[in-house]
Amino acid sequence: MMDLKAKLYSKSSKLIKASKLTHEQIAKLIGTSRSRINQIANFEENNVSIGLLIKLISVLKDGTAIKLKFVFFTNSIND
């Protein structure tokens, strides 16, 4: 999971830096704070959710494909 998060973090940071939007504008588009966008852009904090990173990438995407592989686990409870 950390490998996925690291890749999403890296892609998000690159897209923020390449964007012509201000950090304030990006924050408003995805519903977060300007300081959170600054932290992502500068790799200052790693407690950002994967969902927020995916949302950020989808808003700022540059045509790069994002591949996600989901593995579902189920628990069986036998009486």
PDB file of N, CA and C in Angstrom:
ATOM      1  N   MET A   1       0.830  -1.192   0.000  1.00  0.00           N
ATOM      2  CA  MET A   1       0.000   0.000   0.000  1.00  0.00           C
ATOM      3  C   MET A   1       0.870   1.250   0.000  1.00  0.00           C
ATOM      4  N   MET A   2       1.990   1.198   0.707  1.00  0.00           N
ATOM      5  CA  MET A   2       2.860   2.374   0.758  1.00  0.00           C
ATOM      6  C   MET A   2       3.467   2.671  -0.602  1.00  0.00           C
ATOM      7  N   ASP A   3       3.752   1.627  -1.386  1.00  0.00           N
ATOM      8  CA  ASP A   3       4.298   1.849  -2.717  1.00  0.00           C
ATOM      9  C   ASP A   3       3.290   2.604  -3.575  1.00  0.00           C
ATOM     10  N   LEU A   4       2.034   2.226  -3.495  1.00  0.00           N
ATOM     11  CA  LEU A   4       0.977   2.917  -4.233  1.00  0.00           C
ATOM     12  C   LEU A   4       0.882   4.364  -3.767  1.00  0.00           C
ATOM     13  N   LYS A   5       0.878   4.573  -2.472  1.00  0.00           N
ATOM     14  CA  LYS A   5       0.757   5.928  -1.940  1.00  0.00           C
ATOM     15  C   LYS A   5       1.955   6.782  -2.353  1.00  0.00           C
ATOM     16  N   ALA A   6       3.138   6.211  -2.334  1.00  0.00           N
ATOM     17  CA  ALA A   6       4.341   6.950  -2.738  1.00  0.00           C
ATOM     18  C   ALA A   6       4.255   7.370  -4.200  1.00  0.00           C
ATOM     19  N   LYS A   7       3.755   6.479  -5.045  1.00  0.00           N
ATOM     20  CA  LYS A   7       3.605   6.806  -6.469  1.00  0.00           C
ATOM     21  C   LYS A   7       2.558   7.892  -6.678  1.00  0.00           C
ATOM     22  N   LEU A   8       1.450   7.790  -5.968  1.00  0.00           N
ATOM     23  CA  LEU A   8       0.405   8.810  -6.078  1.00  0.00           C
ATOM     24  C   LEU A   8       0.905  10.158  -5.561  1.00  0.00           C
ATOM     25  N   TYR A   9       1.660  10.126  -4.484  1.00  0.00           N
ATOM     26  CA  TYR A   9       2.228  11.347  -3.908  1.00  0.00           C
ATOM     27  C   TYR A   9       3.164  12.018  -4.910  1.00  0.00           C
ATOM     28  N   SER A  10       4.038  11.217  -5.518  1.00  0.00           N
ATOM     29  CA  SER A  10       4.996  11.739  -6.489  1.00  0.00           C
ATOM     30  C   SER A  10       4.289  12.350  -7.692  1.00  0.00           C
ATOM     31  N   LYS A  11       3.296  11.628  -8.215  1.00  0.00           N
ATOM     32  CA  LYS A  11       2.542  12.124  -9.376  1.00  0.00           C
ATOM     33  C   LYS A  11       1.799  13.405  -9.013  1.00  0.00           C
ATOM     34  N   SER A  12       1.196  13.439  -7.844  1.00  0.00           N
ATOM     35  CA  SER A  12       0.462  14.627  -7.399  1.00  0.00           C
ATOM     36  C   SER A  12       1.385  15.834  -7.312  1.00  0.00           C
ATOM     37  N   SER A  13       2.548  15.634  -6.720  1.00  0.00           N
ATOM     38  CA  SER A  13       3.512  16.719  -6.569  1.00  0.00           C
ATOM     39  C   SER A  13       3.931  17.272  -7.929  1.00  0.00           C
ATOM     40  N   LYS A  14       4.212  16.376  -8.862  1.00  0.00           N
ATOM     41  CA  LYS A  14       4.618  16.801 -10.208  1.00  0.00           C
ATOM     42  C   LYS A  14       3.506  17.576 -10.904  1.00  0.00           C
ATOM     43  N   LEU A  15       2.275  17.106 -10.776  1.00  0.00           N
ATOM     44  CA  LEU A  15       1.152  17.785 -11.422  1.00  0.00           C
ATOM     45  C   LEU A  15       0.889  19.156 -10.809  1.00  0.00           C
ATOM     46  N   ILE A  16       1.030  19.260  -9.501  1.00  0.00           N
ATOM     47  CA  ILE A  16       0.845  20.563  -8.842  1.00  0.00           C
ATOM     48  C   ILE A  16       1.880  21.549  -9.371  1.00  0.00           C
ATOM     49  N   LYS A  17       3.129  21.115  -9.419  1.00  0.00           N
ATOM     50  CA  LYS A  17       4.211  21.997  -9.866  1.00  0.00           C
ATOM     51  C   LYS A  17       4.073  22.376 -11.339  1.00  0.00           C
ATOM     52  N   ALA A  18       3.528  21.474 -12.162  1.00  0.00           N
ATOM     53  CA  ALA A  18       3.377  21.742 -13.594  1.00  0.00           C
ATOM     54  C   ALA A  18       2.113  22.540 -13.913  1.00  0.00           C
ATOM     55  N   SER A  19       1.197  22.595 -12.972  1.00  0.00           N
ATOM     56  CA  SER A  19      -0.081  23.264 -13.200  1.00  0.00           C
ATOM     57  C   SER A  19       0.092  24.772 -13.310  1.00  0.00           C
ATOM     58  N   LYS A  20      -0.764  25.373 -14.112  1.00  0.00           N
ATOM     59  CA  LYS A  20      -0.776  26.832 -14.234  1.00  0.00           C
ATOM     60  C   LYS A  20      -1.700  27.460 -13.190  1.00  0.00           C
ATOM     61  N   LEU A  21      -2.322  26.617 -12.384  1.00  0.00           N
ATOM     62  CA  LEU A  21      -3.209  27.091 -11.323  1.00  0.00           C
ATOM     63  C   LEU A  21      -2.404  27.397 -10.065  1.00  0.00           C
ATOM     64  N   THR A  22      -2.928  28.300  -9.255  1.00  0.00           N
ATOM     65  CA  THR A  22      -2.299  28.567  -7.960  1.00  0.00           C
ATOM     66  C   THR A  22      -2.667  27.442  -6.993  1.00  0.00           C
ATOM     67  N   HIS A  23      -1.920  27.342  -5.924  1.00  0.00           N
ATOM     68  CA  HIS A  23      -2.240  26.336  -4.905  1.00  0.00           C
ATOM     69  C   HIS A  23      -3.625  26.587  -4.320  1.00  0.00           C
ATOM     70  N   GLU A  24      -3.998  27.835  -4.190  1.00  0.00           N
ATOM     71  CA  GLU A  24      -5.332  28.195  -3.695  1.00  0.00           C
ATOM     72  C   GLU A  24      -6.416  27.691  -4.648  1.00  0.00           C
ATOM     73  N   GLN A  25      -6.213  27.858  -5.944  1.00  0.00           N
ATOM     74  CA  GLN A  25      -7.198  27.403  -6.938  1.00  0.00           C
ATOM     75  C   GLN A  25      -7.320  25.884  -6.931  1.00  0.00           C
ATOM     76  N   ILE A  26      -6.199  25.198  -6.856  1.00  0.00           N
ATOM     77  CA  ILE A  26      -6.217  23.731  -6.811  1.00  0.00           C
ATOM     78  C   ILE A  26      -6.951  23.261  -5.557  1.00  0.00           C
ATOM     79  N   ALA A  27      -6.660  23.889  -4.435  1.00  0.00           N
ATOM     80  CA  ALA A  27      -7.308  23.521  -3.171  1.00  0.00           C
ATOM     81  C   ALA A  27      -8.821  23.656  -3.273  1.00  0.00           C
ATOM     82  N   LYS A  28      -9.294  24.739  -3.861  1.00  0.00           N
ATOM     83  CA  LYS A  28     -10.738  24.941  -4.008  1.00  0.00           C
ATOM     84  C   LYS A  28     -11.352  23.893  -4.928  1.00  0.00           C
ATOM     85  N   LEU A  29     -10.636  23.509  -5.982  1.00  0.00           N
ATOM     86  CA  LEU A  29     -11.152  22.509  -6.922  1.00  0.00           C
ATOM     87  C   LEU A  29     -11.368  21.150  -6.268  1.00  0.00           C
ATOM     88  N   ILE A  30     -10.494  20.791  -5.343  1.00  0.00           N
ATOM     89  CA  ILE A  30     -10.616  19.459  -4.744  1.00  0.00           C
ATOM     90  C   ILE A  30     -11.140  19.475  -3.311  1.00  0.00           C
ATOM     91  N   GLY A  31     -11.427  20.662  -2.798  1.00  0.00           N
ATOM     92  CA  GLY A  31     -12.030  20.751  -1.472  1.00  0.00           C
ATOM     93  C   GLY A  31     -11.081  20.525  -0.316  1.00  0.00           C
ATOM     94  N   THR A  32      -9.916  21.125  -0.398  1.00  0.00           N
ATOM     95  CA  THR A  32      -8.956  21.031   0.699  1.00  0.00           C
ATOM     96  C   THR A  32      -8.330  22.403   0.918  1.00  0.00           C
ATOM     97  N   SER A  33      -7.336  22.472   1.768  1.00  0.00           N
ATOM     98  CA  SER A  33      -6.711  23.766   2.070  1.00  0.00           C
ATOM     99  C   SER A  33      -5.483  24.016   1.192  1.00  0.00           C
ATOM    100  N   ARG A  34      -5.142  25.291   1.065  1.00  0.00           N
ATOM    101  CA  ARG A  34      -3.949  25.672   0.312  1.00  0.00           C
ATOM    102  C   ARG A  34      -2.703  25.088   0.977  1.00  0.00           C
ATOM    103  N   SER A  35      -2.682  25.081   2.298  1.00  0.00           N
ATOM    104  CA  SER A  35      -1.513  24.547   3.001  1.00  0.00           C
ATOM    105  C   SER A  35      -1.337  23.053   2.736  1.00  0.00           C
ATOM    106  N   ARG A  36      -2.450  22.328   2.591  1.00  0.00           N
ATOM    107  CA  ARG A  36      -2.357  20.896   2.273  1.00  0.00           C
ATOM    108  C   ARG A  36      -1.751  20.703   0.882  1.00  0.00           C
ATOM    109  N   ILE A  37      -2.134  21.555  -0.073  1.00  0.00           N
ATOM    110  CA  ILE A  37      -1.564  21.480  -1.425  1.00  0.00           C
ATOM    111  C   ILE A  37      -0.068  21.785  -1.371  1.00  0.00           C
ATOM    112  N   ASN A  38       0.324  22.788  -0.588  1.00  0.00           N
ATOM    113  CA  ASN A  38       1.749  23.108  -0.419  1.00  0.00           C
ATOM    114  C   ASN A  38       2.511  21.913   0.138  1.00  0.00           C
ATOM    115  N   GLN A  39       1.927  21.243   1.119  1.00  0.00           N
ATOM    116  CA  GLN A  39       2.579  20.092   1.741  1.00  0.00           C
ATOM    117  C   GLN A  39       2.763  18.950   0.744  1.00  0.00           C
ATOM    118  N   ILE A  40       1.754  18.703  -0.075  1.00  0.00           N
ATOM    119  CA  ILE A  40       1.856  17.647  -1.082  1.00  0.00           C
ATOM    120  C   ILE A  40       2.919  18.019  -2.113  1.00  0.00           C
ATOM    121  N   ALA A  41       2.886  19.254  -2.583  1.00  0.00           N
ATOM    122  CA  ALA A  41       3.830  19.705  -3.611  1.00  0.00           C
ATOM    123  C   ALA A  41       5.278  19.600  -3.140  1.00  0.00           C
ATOM    124  N   ASN A  42       5.501  19.820  -1.855  1.00  0.00           N
ATOM    125  CA  ASN A  42       6.860  19.833  -1.310  1.00  0.00           C
ATOM    126  C   ASN A  42       7.219  18.577  -0.519  1.00  0.00           C
ATOM    127  N   PHE A  43       6.383  17.531  -0.586  1.00  0.00           N
ATOM    128  CA  PHE A  43       6.610  16.283   0.148  1.00  0.00           C
ATOM    129  C   PHE A  43       6.851  16.537   1.635  1.00  0.00           C
ATOM    130  N   GLU A  44       6.136  17.497   2.205  1.00  0.00           N
ATOM    131  CA  GLU A  44       6.344  17.838   3.610  1.00  0.00           C
ATOM    132  C   GLU A  44       5.545  16.977   4.576  1.00  0.00           C
ATOM    133  N   GLU A  45       4.526  16.318   4.101  1.00  0.00           N
ATOM    134  CA  GLU A  45       3.646  15.573   4.996  1.00  0.00           C
ATOM    135  C   GLU A  45       3.173  14.320   4.274  1.00  0.00           C
ATOM    136  N   ASN A  46       3.076  13.228   5.006  1.00  0.00           N
ATOM    137  CA  ASN A  46       2.670  11.979   4.368  1.00  0.00           C
ATOM    138  C   ASN A  46       1.376  11.424   4.952  1.00  0.00           C
ATOM    139  N   ASN A  47       0.574  12.249   5.593  1.00  0.00           N
ATOM    140  CA  ASN A  47      -0.678  11.739   6.153  1.00  0.00           C
ATOM    141  C   ASN A  47      -1.880  12.120   5.295  1.00  0.00           C
ATOM    142  N   VAL A  48      -1.644  12.384   4.038  1.00  0.00           N
ATOM    143  CA  VAL A  48      -2.716  12.701   3.095  1.00  0.00           C
ATOM    144  C   VAL A  48      -3.340  11.383   2.650  1.00  0.00           C
ATOM    145  N   SER A  49      -4.655  11.341   2.554  1.00  0.00           N
ATOM    146  CA  SER A  49      -5.324  10.098   2.170  1.00  0.00           C
ATOM    147  C   SER A  49      -5.092   9.777   0.696  1.00  0.00           C
ATOM    148  N   ILE A  50      -5.128   8.501   0.395  1.00  0.00           N
ATOM    149  CA  ILE A  50      -5.001   8.058  -0.993  1.00  0.00           C
ATOM    150  C   ILE A  50      -6.145   8.632  -1.817  1.00  0.00           C
ATOM    151  N   GLY A  51      -7.326   8.713  -1.225  1.00  0.00           N
ATOM    152  CA  GLY A  51      -8.482   9.271  -1.930  1.00  0.00           C
ATOM    153  C   GLY A  51      -8.258  10.705  -2.369  1.00  0.00           C
ATOM    154  N   LEU A  52      -7.655  11.514  -1.495  1.00  0.00           N
ATOM    155  CA  LEU A  52      -7.380  12.911  -1.842  1.00  0.00           C
ATOM    156  C   LEU A  52      -6.336  12.993  -2.950  1.00  0.00           C
ATOM    157  N   LEU A  53      -5.324  12.139  -2.888  1.00  0.00           N
ATOM    158  CA  LEU A  53      -4.297  12.136  -3.932  1.00  0.00           C
ATOM    159  C   LEU A  53      -4.891  11.747  -5.284  1.00  0.00           C
ATOM    160  N   ILE A  54      -5.768  10.749  -5.292  1.00  0.00           N
ATOM    161  CA  ILE A  54      -6.421  10.338  -6.540  1.00  0.00           C
ATOM    162  C   ILE A  54      -7.303  11.460  -7.061  1.00  0.00           C
ATOM    163  N   LYS A  55      -8.015  12.119  -6.184  1.00  0.00           N
ATOM    164  CA  LYS A  55      -8.865  13.243  -6.587  1.00  0.00           C
ATOM    165  C   LYS A  55      -8.017  14.356  -7.198  1.00  0.00           C
ATOM    166  N   LEU A  56      -6.904  14.662  -6.572  1.00  0.00           N
ATOM    167  CA  LEU A  56      -6.005  15.699  -7.067  1.00  0.00           C
ATOM    168  C   LEU A  56      -5.486  15.339  -8.459  1.00  0.00           C
ATOM    169  N   ILE A  57      -5.053  14.110  -8.627  1.00  0.00           N
ATOM    170  CA  ILE A  57      -4.543  13.665  -9.927  1.00  0.00           C
ATOM    171  C   ILE A  57      -5.633  13.725 -10.980  1.00  0.00           C
ATOM    172  N   SER A  58      -6.841  13.317 -10.627  1.00  0.00           N
ATOM    173  CA  SER A  58      -7.931  13.330 -11.613  1.00  0.00           C
ATOM    174  C   SER A  58      -8.288  14.744 -12.042  1.00  0.00           C
ATOM    175  N   VAL A  59      -8.126  15.716 -11.157  1.00  0.00           N
ATOM    176  CA  VAL A  59      -8.412  17.113 -11.491  1.00  0.00           C
ATOM    177  C   VAL A  59      -7.295  17.705 -12.346  1.00  0.00           C
ATOM    178  N   LEU A  60      -6.066  17.361 -12.048  1.00  0.00           N
ATOM    179  CA  LEU A  60      -4.919  17.959 -12.739  1.00  0.00           C
ATOM    180  C   LEU A  60      -4.302  17.052 -13.802  1.00  0.00           C
ATOM    181  N   LYS A  61      -4.945  15.947 -14.092  1.00  0.00           N
ATOM    182  CA  LYS A  61      -4.340  14.934 -14.963  1.00  0.00           C
ATOM    183  C   LYS A  61      -3.819  15.519 -16.270  1.00  0.00           C
ATOM    184  N   ASP A  62      -2.756  14.894 -16.726  1.00  0.00           N
ATOM    185  CA  ASP A  62      -2.094  15.329 -17.945  1.00  0.00           C
ATOM    186  C   ASP A  62      -2.194  14.278 -19.047  1.00  0.00           C
ATOM    187  N   GLY A  63      -3.144  13.405 -18.925  1.00  0.00           N
ATOM    188  CA  GLY A  63      -3.300  12.344 -19.913  1.00  0.00           C
ATOM    189  C   GLY A  63      -2.556  11.073 -19.540  1.00  0.00           C
ATOM    190  N   THR A  64      -1.845  11.092 -18.430  1.00  0.00           N
ATOM    191  CA  THR A  64      -1.123   9.916 -17.979  1.00  0.00           C
ATOM    192  C   THR A  64      -2.107   8.922 -17.379  1.00  0.00           C
ATOM    193  N   ALA A  65      -1.992   7.694 -17.788  1.00  0.00           N
ATOM    194  CA  ALA A  65      -2.878   6.659 -17.258  1.00  0.00           C
ATOM    195  C   ALA A  65      -2.464   6.304 -15.835  1.00  0.00           C
ATOM    196  N   ILE A  66      -3.445   6.043 -15.026  1.00  0.00           N
ATOM    197  CA  ILE A  66      -3.200   5.599 -13.656  1.00  0.00           C
ATOM    198  C   ILE A  66      -3.771   4.194 -13.544  1.00  0.00           C
ATOM    199  N   LYS A  67      -2.919   3.244 -13.213  1.00  0.00           N
ATOM    200  CA  LYS A  67      -3.377   1.871 -13.051  1.00  0.00           C
ATOM    201  C   LYS A  67      -3.493   1.570 -11.565  1.00  0.00           C
ATOM    202  N   LEU A  68      -4.644   1.101 -11.176  1.00  0.00           N
ATOM    203  CA  LEU A  68      -4.867   0.698  -9.792  1.00  0.00           C
ATOM    204  C   LEU A  68      -5.313  -0.754  -9.782  1.00  0.00           C
ATOM    205  N   LYS A  69      -4.762  -1.517  -8.887  1.00  0.00           N
ATOM    206  CA  LYS A  69      -5.159  -2.909  -8.746  1.00  0.00           C
ATOM    207  C   LYS A  69      -5.736  -3.074  -7.349  1.00  0.00           C
ATOM    208  N   PHE A  70      -6.987  -3.474  -7.297  1.00  0.00           N
ATOM    209  CA  PHE A  70      -7.650  -3.666  -6.015  1.00  0.00           C
ATOM    210  C   PHE A  70      -7.747  -5.156  -5.717  1.00  0.00           C
ATOM    211  N   VAL A  71      -7.396  -5.502  -4.518  1.00  0.00           N
ATOM    212  CA  VAL A  71      -7.498  -6.880  -4.061  1.00  0.00           C
ATOM    213  C   VAL A  71      -8.477  -6.887  -2.901  1.00  0.00           C
ATOM    214  N   PHE A  72      -9.501  -7.681  -3.028  1.00  0.00           N
ATOM    215  CA  PHE A  72     -10.525  -7.737  -1.995  1.00  0.00           C
ATOM    216  C   PHE A  72     -10.355  -9.004  -1.163  1.00  0.00           C
ATOM    217  N   PHE A  73     -10.471  -8.835   0.127  1.00  0.00           N
ATOM    218  CA  PHE A  73     -10.379  -9.948   1.053  1.00  0.00           C
ATOM    219  C   PHE A  73     -11.733 -10.117   1.730  1.00  0.00           C
ATOM    220  N   THR A  74     -12.116 -11.349   1.931  1.00  0.00           N
ATOM    221  CA  THR A  74     -13.359 -11.611   2.650  1.00  0.00           C
ATOM    222  C   THR A  74     -13.059 -12.519   3.834  1.00  0.00           C
ATOM    223  N   ASN A  75     -13.804 -12.334   4.849  1.00  0.00           N
ATOM    224  CA  ASN A  75     -13.690 -13.183   6.030  1.00  0.00           C
ATOM    225  C   ASN A  75     -14.909 -14.077   6.085  1.00  0.00           C
ATOM    226  N   SER A  76     -14.675 -15.347   6.265  1.00  0.00           N
ATOM    227  CA  SER A  76     -15.781 -16.286   6.424  1.00  0.00           C
ATOM    228  C   SER A  76     -15.945 -16.592   7.900  1.00  0.00           C
ATOM    229  N   ILE A  77     -17.157 -16.503   8.338  1.00  0.00           N
ATOM    230  CA  ILE A  77     -17.450 -16.844   9.727  1.00  0.00           C
ATOM    231  C   ILE A  77     -18.362 -18.060   9.706  1.00  0.00           C
ATOM    232  N   ASN A  78     -17.841 -19.129  10.219  1.00  0.00           N
ATOM    233  CA  ASN A  78     -18.622 -20.366  10.276  1.00  0.00           C
ATOM    234  C   ASN A  78     -19.243 -20.498  11.653  1.00  0.00           C
ATOM    235  N   ASP A  79     -20.542 -20.801  11.672  1.00  0.00           N
ATOM    236  CA  ASP A  79     -21.239 -20.976  12.959  1.00  0.00           C
ATOM    237  C   ASP A  79     -20.811 -22.239  13.641  1.00  0.00           C
TER     238      ASP A  79
END
